[in-house]
C-alpha atoms as a PDB file:
ATOM      1  CA  MET A   1     -10.557-117.947  -7.451  1.00  0.00           C
ATOM      2  CA  SER A   2     -10.782-115.410 -10.234  1.00  0.00           C
ATOM      3  CA  ALA A   3     -13.954-114.281 -11.975  1.00  0.00           C
ATOM      4  CA  ILE A   4     -14.624-112.778 -15.372  1.00  0.00           C
ATOM      5  CA  THR A   5     -17.948-111.733 -16.895  1.00  0.00           C
ATOM      6  CA  PHE A   6     -19.002-112.426 -20.489  1.00  0.00           C
ATOM      7  CA  LYS A   7     -22.029-111.794 -22.603  1.00  0.00           C
ATOM      8  CA  ALA A   8     -23.412-115.020 -24.025  1.00  0.00           C
ATOM      9  CA  HIS A   9     -26.482-116.459 -25.692  1.00  0.00           C
ATOM     10  CA  TYR A  10     -28.322-119.761 -25.825  1.00  0.00           C
ATOM     11  CA  ASP A  11     -28.569-121.233 -29.337  1.00  0.00           C
ATOM     12  CA  GLY A  12     -31.248-123.788 -28.441  1.00  0.00           C
ATOM     13  CA  LYS A  13     -28.737-126.496 -27.518  1.00  0.00           C
ATOM     14  CA  ARG A  14     -25.843-124.881 -25.653  1.00  0.00           C
ATOM     15  CA  ILE A  15     -24.652-121.666 -24.068  1.00  0.00           C
ATOM     16  CA  CYS A  16     -22.298-119.797 -26.426  1.00  0.00           C
ATOM     17  CA  LEU A  17     -19.926-117.029 -25.378  1.00  0.00           C
ATOM     18  CA  ASP A  18     -20.260-113.879 -27.496  1.00  0.00           C
ATOM     19  CA  GLU A  19     -16.533-113.138 -27.046  1.00  0.00           C
ATOM     20  CA  PRO A  20     -13.676-115.590 -27.629  1.00  0.00           C
ATOM     21  CA  TYR A  21     -12.113-116.916 -24.438  1.00  0.00           C
ATOM     22  CA  LYS A  22     -10.096-120.072 -23.893  1.00  0.00           C
ATOM     23  CA  LEU A  23     -11.610-122.215 -21.147  1.00  0.00           C
ATOM     24  CA  GLN A  24     -10.042-125.389 -19.831  1.00  0.00           C
ATOM     25  CA  ARG A  25     -12.132-128.537 -20.151  1.00  0.00           C
ATOM     26  CA  ASP A  26     -14.417-129.071 -17.128  1.00  0.00           C
ATOM     27  CA  SER A  27     -13.922-125.490 -15.902  1.00  0.00           C
ATOM     28  CA  LYS A  28     -16.356-124.646 -13.108  1.00  0.00           C
ATOM     29  CA  LEU A  29     -18.791-121.899 -14.141  1.00  0.00           C
ATOM     30  CA  ILE A  30     -21.549-119.897 -12.513  1.00  0.00           C
ATOM     31  CA  VAL A  31     -24.316-118.990 -14.946  1.00  0.00           C
ATOM     32  CA  THR A  32     -26.819-116.191 -14.323  1.00  0.00           C
ATOM     33  CA  VAL A  33     -29.711-116.059 -16.758  1.00  0.00           C
ATOM     34  CA  VAL A  34     -31.156-112.620 -17.434  1.00  0.00           C
ATOM     35  CA  SER A  35     -34.117-112.617 -19.738  1.00  0.00           C
ATOM     36  CA  GLY A  36     -36.713-110.116 -20.739  1.00  0.00           C
ATOM     37  CA  ASP A  37     -38.219-108.347 -23.688  1.00  0.00           C
ATOM     38  CA  SER A  38     -36.751-104.948 -22.938  1.00  0.00           C
ATOM     39  CA  LEU A  39     -33.785-103.192 -21.451  1.00  0.00           C
ATOM     40  CA  GLU A  40     -35.945-102.306 -18.427  1.00  0.00           C
ATOM     41  CA  ASP A  41     -36.780-106.003 -17.901  1.00  0.00           C
ATOM     42  CA  GLU A  42     -33.052-106.787 -17.985  1.00  0.00           C
ATOM     43  CA  ARG A  43     -32.294-103.954 -15.544  1.00  0.00           C
ATOM     44  CA  GLN A  44     -34.968-105.216 -13.143  1.00  0.00           C
ATOM     45  CA  ALA A  45     -33.577-108.758 -13.329  1.00  0.00           C
ATOM     46  CA  TRP A  46     -30.052-107.530 -12.473  1.00  0.00           C
ATOM     47  CA  LEU A  47     -31.453-105.409  -9.640  1.00  0.00           C
ATOM     48  CA  ALA A  48     -33.256-108.446  -8.186  1.00  0.00           C
ATOM     49  CA  ALA A  49     -30.083-110.550  -8.455  1.00  0.00           C
ATOM     50  CA  SER A  50     -28.049-107.817  -6.723  1.00  0.00           C
ATOM     51  CA  GLN A  51     -30.582-107.472  -3.925  1.00  0.00           C
ATOM     52  CA  ALA A  52     -30.600-111.245  -3.373  1.00  0.00           C
ATOM     53  CA  GLY A  53     -26.790-111.264  -3.159  1.00  0.00           C
ATOM     54  CA  LEU A  54     -26.770-108.443  -0.626  1.00  0.00           C
ATOM     55  CA  ALA A  55     -29.447-110.184   1.430  1.00  0.00           C
ATOM     56  CA  ARG A  56     -27.251-113.303   1.590  1.00  0.00           C
ATOM     57  CA  ALA A  57     -24.170-111.254   2.528  1.00  0.00           C
ATOM     58  CA  TYR A  58     -25.847-109.131   5.216  1.00  0.00           C
ATOM     59  CA  GLY A  59     -28.157-111.176   7.406  1.00  0.00           C
ATOM     60  CA  GLU A  60     -30.602-110.054  10.056  1.00  0.00           C
ATOM     61  CA  ASP A  61     -27.899-110.385  12.733  1.00  0.00           C
ATOM     62  CA  GLU A  62     -25.571-107.893  11.003  1.00  0.00           C
ATOM     63  CA  PRO A  63     -24.432-105.279  13.558  1.00  0.00           C
ATOM     64  CA  ASP A  64     -25.433-101.651  13.141  1.00  0.00           C
ATOM     65  CA  TYR A  65     -22.593 -99.289  12.397  1.00  0.00           C
ATOM     66  CA  PHE A  66     -22.957 -96.267  14.598  1.00  0.00           C
ATOM     67  CA  HIS A  67     -22.002 -92.778  13.460  1.00  0.00           C
ATOM     68  CA  ALA A  68     -19.111 -92.785  15.940  1.00  0.00           C
ATOM     69  CA  ALA A  69     -17.514 -95.720  14.096  1.00  0.00           C
ATOM     70  CA  LEU A  70     -17.410 -93.839  10.796  1.00  0.00           C
ATOM     71  CA  ARG A  71     -14.345 -91.850   9.841  1.00  0.00           C
ATOM     72  CA  GLU A  72     -14.753 -88.370   8.535  1.00  0.00           C
ATOM     73  CA  THR A  73     -12.681 -87.225   5.582  1.00  0.00           C
ATOM     74  CA  PRO A  74     -10.370 -84.354   6.554  1.00  0.00           C
ATOM     75  CA  PRO A  75     -11.036 -81.102   4.699  1.00  0.00           C
ATOM     76  CA  ASN A  76      -8.866 -80.358   1.648  1.00  0.00           C
ATOM     77  CA  LYS A  77      -6.347 -77.589   2.108  1.00  0.00           C
END
């Protein structure tokens, strides 16, 4: 599965892409609606969506990664 992100707008009847892109009929899409009156509102909406995605990816039973499991970068010579 490949993914591409577009800016779009709702014209009152349908969702319209702001950039031309050829889609095949009945293409499966995932739509995320970000709305707000300001850039800060939009930023907060994206932050909330990101946090929700991370919460789904990393559940309560996720193991802790101990310091010993981390690799250190060798010094540059």
